[in-house]
Amino acid sequence: MLENYYRELVCFLNAKLGNRQVAEDVVHDAYVRVLERASDTPIEQPRAFLYRTALNLVIDGHRRNALRQVEPLDVLDNEERFSTVSPQACLDHGQRLDMLERALAQLPAACRDSFLLRKLEGLSHQEIAERLGISRSLVEKHIVNAMKHCRGRMREWDAH
């Protein structure tokens, strides 16, 4: 039922943000948040809930950007110069990348390819659809499903 609002929400956010790619990313994240929410209580108004989730993500993003812009550049340079990545952090990062690769390998090819073309190459949904010879709406579904699958598998493996 929620997928019925995908294009509508992308158009709405694109009008607000002036950037279709950012709008699509926010909508993907909103879908994943809604699909992975912890509550068993049914959503009374799915469209309103999805819109509110997406707008909250936009607001959070603006807040993070505003905080980053307030930080003086020399402070950031100094922090970067003195920060070292621990061997454990490198190991954890490598393990998480391995888990992500395993999760992606479990996906059907078109789903995995749609996700990778979007996230790694930054292609638009239309460009992905043309490259893979599938519909734009199928690309959108593939990307949402890939994100949901990868997050679920990562959580599952983290628990072990």
N, C-alpha and C. Protein backbone atom coordinates (compact mmCIF):
# COMPACT_ATOMS: atom_id res chain seq x y z
N MET A 1 0.83 -1.19 0.00
CA MET A 1 0.00 0.00 0.00
C MET A 1 0.87 1.27 0.00
N LEU A 2 1.96 1.24 0.76
CA LEU A 2 2.82 2.42 0.86
C LEU A 2 3.47 2.78 -0.48
N GLU A 3 3.74 1.76 -1.33
CA GLU A 3 4.42 2.07 -2.58
C GLU A 3 3.59 2.96 -3.49
N ASN A 4 2.30 3.03 -3.24
CA ASN A 4 1.42 3.88 -4.05
C ASN A 4 1.78 5.36 -3.92
N TYR A 5 2.44 5.73 -2.86
CA TYR A 5 2.74 7.14 -2.59
C TYR A 5 4.15 7.55 -3.01
N TYR A 6 4.92 6.61 -3.52
CA TYR A 6 6.33 6.88 -3.80
C TYR A 6 6.54 8.08 -4.72
N ARG A 7 5.98 8.01 -5.91
CA ARG A 7 6.19 9.10 -6.89
C ARG A 7 5.64 10.42 -6.39
N GLU A 8 4.47 10.35 -5.78
CA GLU A 8 3.83 11.56 -5.25
C GLU A 8 4.74 12.24 -4.22
N LEU A 9 5.31 11.44 -3.34
CA LEU A 9 6.18 11.98 -2.30
C LEU A 9 7.49 12.52 -2.89
N VAL A 10 8.04 11.82 -3.88
CA VAL A 10 9.26 12.32 -4.55
C VAL A 10 8.98 13.67 -5.20
N CYS A 11 7.86 13.80 -5.89
CA CYS A 11 7.50 15.07 -6.53
C CYS A 11 7.34 16.18 -5.49
N PHE A 12 6.68 15.85 -4.39
CA PHE A 12 6.46 16.82 -3.31
C PHE A 12 7.81 17.31 -2.75
N LEU A 13 8.70 16.37 -2.43
CA LEU A 13 10.00 16.76 -1.86
C LEU A 13 10.89 17.44 -2.89
N ASN A 14 10.79 17.02 -4.15
CA ASN A 14 11.57 17.67 -5.20
C ASN A 14 11.18 19.14 -5.30
N ALA A 15 9.90 19.43 -5.19
CA ALA A 15 9.43 20.82 -5.24
C ALA A 15 9.97 21.61 -4.05
N LYS A 16 10.04 20.97 -2.89
CA LYS A 16 10.53 21.65 -1.69
C LYS A 16 12.05 21.82 -1.71
N LEU A 17 12.77 20.77 -2.15
CA LEU A 17 14.22 20.75 -2.06
C LEU A 17 14.92 21.25 -3.33
N GLY A 18 14.23 21.15 -4.46
CA GLY A 18 14.83 21.58 -5.72
C GLY A 18 15.89 20.62 -6.24
N ASN A 19 15.87 19.37 -5.77
CA ASN A 19 16.86 18.39 -6.20
C ASN A 19 16.20 17.01 -6.18
N ARG A 20 15.95 16.47 -7.35
CA ARG A 20 15.22 15.20 -7.44
C ARG A 20 16.01 14.05 -6.81
N GLN A 21 17.31 14.02 -7.01
CA GLN A 21 18.11 12.93 -6.45
C GLN A 21 18.06 12.93 -4.92
N VAL A 22 18.18 14.10 -4.31
CA VAL A 22 18.08 14.20 -2.86
C VAL A 22 16.68 13.78 -2.41
N ALA A 23 15.67 14.22 -3.15
CA ALA A 23 14.29 13.85 -2.82
C ALA A 23 14.11 12.34 -2.85
N GLU A 24 14.65 11.68 -3.87
CA GLU A 24 14.55 10.22 -3.97
C GLU A 24 15.25 9.54 -2.80
N ASP A 25 16.43 10.04 -2.44
CA ASP A 25 17.16 9.46 -1.30
C ASP A 25 16.37 9.59 -0.01
N VAL A 26 15.78 10.76 0.21
CA VAL A 26 14.98 10.97 1.42
C VAL A 26 13.79 10.03 1.44
N VAL A 27 13.14 9.88 0.29
CA VAL A 27 11.97 8.98 0.22
C VAL A 27 12.40 7.53 0.49
N HIS A 28 13.54 7.11 -0.07
CA HIS A 28 14.04 5.76 0.22
C HIS A 28 14.23 5.57 1.72
N ASP A 29 14.90 6.53 2.34
CA ASP A 29 15.14 6.43 3.78
C ASP A 29 13.84 6.43 4.57
N ALA A 30 12.88 7.22 4.13
CA ALA A 30 11.58 7.27 4.82
C ALA A 30 10.88 5.91 4.72
N TYR A 31 10.90 5.32 3.52
CA TYR A 31 10.29 4.00 3.35
C TYR A 31 10.94 2.98 4.28
N VAL A 32 12.26 2.98 4.31
CA VAL A 32 12.96 2.01 5.17
C VAL A 32 12.59 2.24 6.63
N ARG A 33 12.56 3.48 7.06
CA ARG A 33 12.17 3.77 8.46
C ARG A 33 10.79 3.26 8.77
N VAL A 34 9.85 3.52 7.87
CA VAL A 34 8.46 3.10 8.10
C VAL A 34 8.37 1.57 8.08
N LEU A 35 9.05 0.93 7.14
CA LEU A 35 8.98 -0.53 7.02
C LEU A 35 9.66 -1.23 8.20
N GLU A 36 10.66 -0.58 8.79
CA GLU A 36 11.41 -1.21 9.88
C GLU A 36 11.00 -0.73 11.27
N ARG A 37 9.94 0.03 11.36
CA ARG A 37 9.58 0.56 12.67
C ARG A 37 9.26 -0.57 13.63
N ALA A 38 9.54 -0.34 14.90
CA ALA A 38 9.45 -1.39 15.92
C ALA A 38 8.02 -1.67 16.36
N SER A 39 7.14 -0.72 16.22
CA SER A 39 5.78 -0.86 16.75
C SER A 39 4.95 -1.84 15.93
N ASP A 40 4.13 -2.63 16.62
CA ASP A 40 3.21 -3.54 15.95
C ASP A 40 1.86 -2.88 15.67
N THR A 41 1.67 -1.68 16.20
CA THR A 41 0.42 -0.95 16.01
C THR A 41 0.27 -0.59 14.53
N PRO A 42 -0.86 -0.93 13.92
CA PRO A 42 -1.04 -0.57 12.51
C PRO A 42 -1.07 0.95 12.32
N ILE A 43 -0.59 1.37 11.18
CA ILE A 43 -0.57 2.80 10.85
C ILE A 43 -1.96 3.17 10.35
N GLU A 44 -2.60 4.10 11.05
CA GLU A 44 -3.97 4.50 10.69
C GLU A 44 -4.02 5.24 9.35
N GLN A 45 -3.07 6.16 9.16
CA GLN A 45 -3.04 6.97 7.94
C GLN A 45 -1.65 6.85 7.31
N PRO A 46 -1.43 5.79 6.51
CA PRO A 46 -0.09 5.52 5.98
C PRO A 46 0.50 6.68 5.17
N ARG A 47 -0.32 7.34 4.37
CA ARG A 47 0.18 8.46 3.55
C ARG A 47 0.70 9.58 4.44
N ALA A 48 -0.07 9.98 5.42
CA ALA A 48 0.34 11.05 6.33
C ALA A 48 1.58 10.65 7.13
N PHE A 49 1.62 9.40 7.56
CA PHE A 49 2.76 8.90 8.35
C PHE A 49 4.04 8.93 7.51
N LEU A 50 3.93 8.50 6.25
CA LEU A 50 5.08 8.49 5.35
C LEU A 50 5.57 9.91 5.07
N TYR A 51 4.65 10.82 4.82
CA TYR A 51 5.01 12.22 4.57
C TYR A 51 5.70 12.82 5.80
N ARG A 52 5.16 12.57 6.98
CA ARG A 52 5.74 13.12 8.21
C ARG A 52 7.14 12.57 8.42
N THR A 53 7.32 11.27 8.17
CA THR A 53 8.64 10.65 8.31
C THR A 53 9.63 11.30 7.35
N ALA A 54 9.22 11.50 6.11
CA ALA A 54 10.10 12.11 5.11
C ALA A 54 10.45 13.55 5.48
N LEU A 55 9.46 14.31 5.91
CA LEU A 55 9.73 15.70 6.31
C LEU A 55 10.64 15.76 7.53
N ASN A 56 10.48 14.83 8.45
CA ASN A 56 11.38 14.79 9.61
C ASN A 56 12.81 14.51 9.18
N LEU A 57 12.99 13.63 8.20
CA LEU A 57 14.33 13.35 7.69
C LEU A 57 14.94 14.59 7.03
N VAL A 58 14.13 15.34 6.30
CA VAL A 58 14.61 16.58 5.67
C VAL A 58 15.04 17.58 6.75
N ILE A 59 14.22 17.72 7.78
CA ILE A 59 14.53 18.65 8.88
C ILE A 59 15.81 18.22 9.58
N ASP A 60 15.94 16.93 9.87
CA ASP A 60 17.16 16.42 10.52
C ASP A 60 18.39 16.70 9.66
N GLY A 61 18.25 16.52 8.35
CA GLY A 61 19.37 16.79 7.45
C GLY A 61 19.77 18.25 7.45
N HIS A 62 18.78 19.14 7.47
CA HIS A 62 19.08 20.58 7.52
C HIS A 62 19.78 20.94 8.84
N ARG A 63 19.32 20.34 9.92
CA ARG A 63 19.95 20.61 11.22
C ARG A 63 21.41 20.17 11.23
N ARG A 64 21.66 18.97 10.71
CA ARG A 64 23.05 18.47 10.67
C ARG A 64 23.91 19.38 9.82
N ASN A 65 23.40 19.81 8.68
CA ASN A 65 24.16 20.70 7.80
C ASN A 65 24.42 22.06 8.47
N ALA A 66 23.43 22.57 9.18
CA ALA A 66 23.59 23.86 9.86
C ALA A 66 24.66 23.75 10.94
N LEU A 67 24.68 22.64 11.68
CA LEU A 67 25.69 22.45 12.72
C LEU A 67 27.08 22.37 12.11
N ARG A 68 27.21 21.68 10.97
CA ARG A 68 28.51 21.55 10.31
C ARG A 68 29.02 22.90 9.84
N GLN A 69 28.10 23.76 9.36
CA GLN A 69 28.52 25.05 8.82
C GLN A 69 28.97 26.00 9.92
N VAL A 70 28.50 25.80 11.15
CA VAL A 70 28.88 26.68 12.26
C VAL A 70 30.31 26.39 12.73
N GLU A 71 30.77 25.16 12.56
CA GLU A 71 32.09 24.73 13.02
C GLU A 71 33.18 25.41 12.19
N PRO A 72 34.12 26.12 12.84
CA PRO A 72 35.19 26.76 12.08
C PRO A 72 36.07 25.71 11.38
N LEU A 73 36.54 26.05 10.19
CA LEU A 73 37.33 25.09 9.42
C LEU A 73 38.65 24.72 10.09
N ASP A 74 39.29 25.68 10.78
CA ASP A 74 40.57 25.36 11.40
C ASP A 74 40.39 24.32 12.51
N VAL A 75 39.26 24.35 13.20
CA VAL A 75 38.98 23.34 14.23
C VAL A 75 38.86 21.97 13.57
N LEU A 76 38.15 21.91 12.45
CA LEU A 76 37.99 20.64 11.75
C LEU A 76 39.33 20.12 11.25
N ASP A 77 40.17 21.01 10.73
CA ASP A 77 41.49 20.60 10.27
C ASP A 77 42.32 20.03 11.41
N ASN A 78 42.31 20.71 12.55
CA ASN A 78 43.08 20.24 13.70
C ASN A 78 42.58 18.90 14.19
N GLU A 79 41.28 18.75 14.25
CA GLU A 79 40.72 17.47 14.72
C GLU A 79 41.12 16.34 13.78
N GLU A 80 41.10 16.61 12.49
CA GLU A 80 41.44 15.58 11.52
C GLU A 80 42.91 15.19 11.62
N ARG A 81 43.75 16.16 11.83
CA ARG A 81 45.18 15.93 11.88
C ARG A 81 45.56 15.02 13.05
N PHE A 82 44.85 15.16 14.17
CA PHE A 82 45.23 14.42 15.37
C PHE A 82 44.42 13.15 15.58
N SER A 83 43.40 12.96 14.78
CA SER A 83 42.61 11.75 14.98
C SER A 83 43.24 10.61 14.20
N THR A 84 43.36 9.49 14.86
CA THR A 84 43.88 8.30 14.20
C THR A 84 42.83 7.21 14.33
N VAL A 85 42.73 6.42 13.32
CA VAL A 85 41.78 5.34 13.34
C VAL A 85 42.44 4.14 13.99
N SER A 86 41.77 3.62 14.99
CA SER A 86 42.33 2.48 15.70
C SER A 86 42.29 1.24 14.82
N PRO A 87 43.20 0.29 15.08
CA PRO A 87 43.16 -0.96 14.32
C PRO A 87 41.81 -1.67 14.47
N GLN A 88 41.21 -1.58 15.66
CA GLN A 88 39.91 -2.22 15.89
C GLN A 88 38.84 -1.59 15.02
N ALA A 89 38.87 -0.24 14.90
CA ALA A 89 37.88 0.45 14.06
C ALA A 89 38.04 0.02 12.60
N CYS A 90 39.28 -0.13 12.14
CA CYS A 90 39.52 -0.60 10.77
C CYS A 90 38.98 -2.01 10.57
N LEU A 91 39.20 -2.86 11.56
CA LEU A 91 38.71 -4.23 11.49
C LEU A 91 37.18 -4.25 11.46
N ASP A 92 36.54 -3.46 12.35
CA ASP A 92 35.08 -3.39 12.39
C ASP A 92 34.53 -2.91 11.05
N HIS A 93 35.17 -1.88 10.49
CA HIS A 93 34.72 -1.33 9.20
C HIS A 93 34.83 -2.40 8.11
N GLY A 94 35.95 -3.11 8.09
CA GLY A 94 36.15 -4.17 7.11
C GLY A 94 35.13 -5.27 7.25
N GLN A 95 34.82 -5.65 8.49
CA GLN A 95 33.82 -6.69 8.73
C GLN A 95 32.44 -6.24 8.27
N ARG A 96 32.11 -4.99 8.51
CA ARG A 96 30.81 -4.47 8.09
C ARG A 96 30.71 -4.44 6.56
N LEU A 97 31.80 -4.07 5.90
CA LEU A 97 31.80 -4.10 4.44
C LEU A 97 31.61 -5.52 3.92
N ASP A 98 32.27 -6.49 4.56
CA ASP A 98 32.09 -7.90 4.18
C ASP A 98 30.64 -8.33 4.35
N MET A 99 30.02 -7.93 5.47
CA MET A 99 28.62 -8.28 5.70
C MET A 99 27.72 -7.66 4.64
N LEU A 100 27.99 -6.40 4.29
CA LEU A 100 27.21 -5.73 3.26
C LEU A 100 27.35 -6.44 1.92
N GLU A 101 28.56 -6.84 1.58
CA GLU A 101 28.78 -7.56 0.33
C GLU A 101 28.02 -8.89 0.33
N ARG A 102 28.02 -9.59 1.45
CA ARG A 102 27.28 -10.86 1.56
C ARG A 102 25.78 -10.62 1.40
N ALA A 103 25.26 -9.55 2.03
CA ALA A 103 23.84 -9.23 1.94
C ALA A 103 23.47 -8.89 0.49
N LEU A 104 24.31 -8.10 -0.17
CA LEU A 104 24.05 -7.74 -1.56
C LEU A 104 24.09 -8.97 -2.47
N ALA A 105 24.98 -9.91 -2.18
CA ALA A 105 25.10 -11.12 -2.99
C ALA A 105 23.84 -11.98 -2.91
N GLN A 106 23.05 -11.82 -1.85
CA GLN A 106 21.83 -12.60 -1.68
C GLN A 106 20.66 -12.06 -2.52
N LEU A 107 20.81 -10.87 -3.03
CA LEU A 107 19.72 -10.23 -3.78
C LEU A 107 19.69 -10.72 -5.22
N PRO A 108 18.50 -10.70 -5.83
CA PRO A 108 18.43 -10.98 -7.28
C PRO A 108 19.25 -9.92 -8.03
N ALA A 109 19.78 -10.29 -9.17
CA ALA A 109 20.70 -9.41 -9.92
C ALA A 109 20.11 -8.03 -10.20
N ALA A 110 18.88 -7.97 -10.69
CA ALA A 110 18.30 -6.67 -11.04
C ALA A 110 18.14 -5.78 -9.81
N CYS A 111 17.81 -6.38 -8.69
CA CYS A 111 17.65 -5.63 -7.44
C CYS A 111 19.01 -5.08 -6.99
N ARG A 112 20.01 -5.96 -6.99
CA ARG A 112 21.37 -5.57 -6.59
C ARG A 112 21.92 -4.49 -7.53
N ASP A 113 21.73 -4.70 -8.84
CA ASP A 113 22.26 -3.75 -9.82
C ASP A 113 21.59 -2.38 -9.68
N SER A 114 20.28 -2.37 -9.46
CA SER A 114 19.57 -1.11 -9.28
C SER A 114 20.14 -0.35 -8.09
N PHE A 115 20.32 -1.05 -6.99
CA PHE A 115 20.85 -0.45 -5.77
C PHE A 115 22.26 0.11 -6.00
N LEU A 116 23.13 -0.70 -6.59
CA LEU A 116 24.52 -0.27 -6.79
C LEU A 116 24.63 0.88 -7.79
N LEU A 117 23.83 0.85 -8.85
CA LEU A 117 23.87 1.96 -9.81
C LEU A 117 23.41 3.26 -9.17
N ARG A 118 22.47 3.16 -8.26
CA ARG A 118 21.97 4.37 -7.57
C ARG A 118 22.97 4.86 -6.54
N LYS A 119 23.40 3.96 -5.66
CA LYS A 119 24.22 4.37 -4.52
C LYS A 119 25.69 4.58 -4.87
N LEU A 120 26.23 3.80 -5.79
CA LEU A 120 27.65 3.93 -6.11
C LEU A 120 27.91 4.85 -7.30
N GLU A 121 27.05 4.74 -8.31
CA GLU A 121 27.27 5.55 -9.52
C GLU A 121 26.41 6.80 -9.55
N GLY A 122 25.43 6.90 -8.64
CA GLY A 122 24.60 8.10 -8.56
C GLY A 122 23.64 8.30 -9.72
N LEU A 123 23.31 7.22 -10.42
CA LEU A 123 22.39 7.35 -11.55
C LEU A 123 20.98 7.63 -11.05
N SER A 124 20.20 8.32 -11.85
CA SER A 124 18.79 8.57 -11.52
C SER A 124 18.00 7.29 -11.76
N HIS A 125 16.79 7.25 -11.23
CA HIS A 125 15.95 6.07 -11.44
C HIS A 125 15.69 5.85 -12.93
N GLN A 126 15.47 6.94 -13.65
CA GLN A 126 15.21 6.82 -15.09
C GLN A 126 16.43 6.26 -15.82
N GLU A 127 17.62 6.73 -15.47
CA GLU A 127 18.84 6.23 -16.10
C GLU A 127 19.05 4.74 -15.81
N ILE A 128 18.76 4.34 -14.58
CA ILE A 128 18.88 2.92 -14.21
C ILE A 128 17.88 2.09 -15.00
N ALA A 129 16.64 2.57 -15.08
CA ALA A 129 15.60 1.86 -15.82
C ALA A 129 16.03 1.65 -17.27
N GLU A 130 16.57 2.69 -17.90
CA GLU A 130 17.00 2.58 -19.29
C GLU A 130 18.18 1.61 -19.42
N ARG A 131 19.12 1.69 -18.50
CA ARG A 131 20.30 0.82 -18.57
C ARG A 131 19.92 -0.65 -18.38
N LEU A 132 19.00 -0.92 -17.43
CA LEU A 132 18.64 -2.31 -17.13
C LEU A 132 17.46 -2.82 -17.96
N GLY A 133 16.81 -1.91 -18.70
CA GLY A 133 15.68 -2.33 -19.53
C GLY A 133 14.45 -2.72 -18.73
N ILE A 134 14.24 -2.03 -17.61
CA ILE A 134 13.07 -2.29 -16.77
C ILE A 134 12.35 -0.97 -16.51
N SER A 135 11.17 -1.03 -15.91
CA SER A 135 10.41 0.20 -15.67
C SER A 135 11.01 0.98 -14.50
N ARG A 136 10.73 2.25 -14.51
CA ARG A 136 11.20 3.12 -13.44
C ARG A 136 10.61 2.71 -12.09
N SER A 137 9.33 2.33 -12.08
CA SER A 137 8.71 1.93 -10.81
C SER A 137 9.35 0.65 -10.27
N LEU A 138 9.77 -0.24 -11.16
CA LEU A 138 10.46 -1.46 -10.70
C LEU A 138 11.83 -1.11 -10.12
N VAL A 139 12.51 -0.15 -10.72
CA VAL A 139 13.78 0.32 -10.16
C VAL A 139 13.56 0.83 -8.74
N GLU A 140 12.53 1.64 -8.55
CA GLU A 140 12.23 2.20 -7.23
C GLU A 140 11.97 1.10 -6.22
N LYS A 141 11.20 0.10 -6.61
CA LYS A 141 10.91 -1.02 -5.71
C LYS A 141 12.18 -1.81 -5.40
N HIS A 142 13.00 -2.05 -6.41
CA HIS A 142 14.26 -2.78 -6.20
C HIS A 142 15.14 -2.07 -5.17
N ILE A 143 15.26 -0.76 -5.30
CA ILE A 143 16.15 -0.01 -4.41
C ILE A 143 15.62 -0.06 -2.97
N VAL A 144 14.34 0.14 -2.79
CA VAL A 144 13.75 0.07 -1.44
C VAL A 144 13.94 -1.33 -0.87
N ASN A 145 13.67 -2.36 -1.68
CA ASN A 145 13.83 -3.73 -1.20
C ASN A 145 15.28 -4.06 -0.85
N ALA A 146 16.22 -3.57 -1.65
CA ALA A 146 17.64 -3.82 -1.38
C ALA A 146 18.06 -3.16 -0.07
N MET A 147 17.62 -1.93 0.14
CA MET A 147 17.97 -1.23 1.38
C MET A 147 17.39 -1.97 2.59
N LYS A 148 16.15 -2.37 2.47
CA LYS A 148 15.48 -3.08 3.56
C LYS A 148 16.20 -4.41 3.84
N HIS A 149 16.52 -5.15 2.80
CA HIS A 149 17.20 -6.45 2.94
C HIS A 149 18.57 -6.28 3.61
N CYS A 150 19.36 -5.33 3.10
CA CYS A 150 20.72 -5.14 3.64
C CYS A 150 20.68 -4.71 5.10
N ARG A 151 19.82 -3.78 5.44
CA ARG A 151 19.73 -3.35 6.83
C ARG A 151 19.29 -4.49 7.74
N GLY A 152 18.33 -5.27 7.27
CA GLY A 152 17.85 -6.40 8.06
C GLY A 152 18.94 -7.44 8.28
N ARG A 153 19.66 -7.78 7.23
CA ARG A 153 20.74 -8.78 7.34
C ARG A 153 21.86 -8.27 8.24
N MET A 154 22.22 -6.99 8.10
CA MET A 154 23.30 -6.42 8.91
C MET A 154 22.91 -6.48 10.39
N ARG A 155 21.67 -6.14 10.69
CA ARG A 155 21.21 -6.20 12.08
C ARG A 155 21.24 -7.63 12.60
N GLU A 156 20.77 -8.54 11.76
CA GLU A 156 20.74 -9.96 12.14
C GLU A 156 22.15 -10.45 12.44
N TRP A 157 23.10 -10.14 11.55
CA TRP A 157 24.47 -10.59 11.74
C TRP A 157 25.15 -9.88 12.90
N ASP A 158 24.82 -8.60 13.13
CA ASP A 158 25.38 -7.87 14.26
C ASP A 158 24.95 -8.50 15.59
N ALA A 159 23.71 -9.02 15.60
CA ALA A 159 23.18 -9.64 16.82
C ALA A 159 23.96 -10.91 17.19
N HIS A 160 24.54 -11.55 16.20
CA HIS A 160 25.30 -12.77 16.45
C HIS A 160 26.72 -12.39 16.71
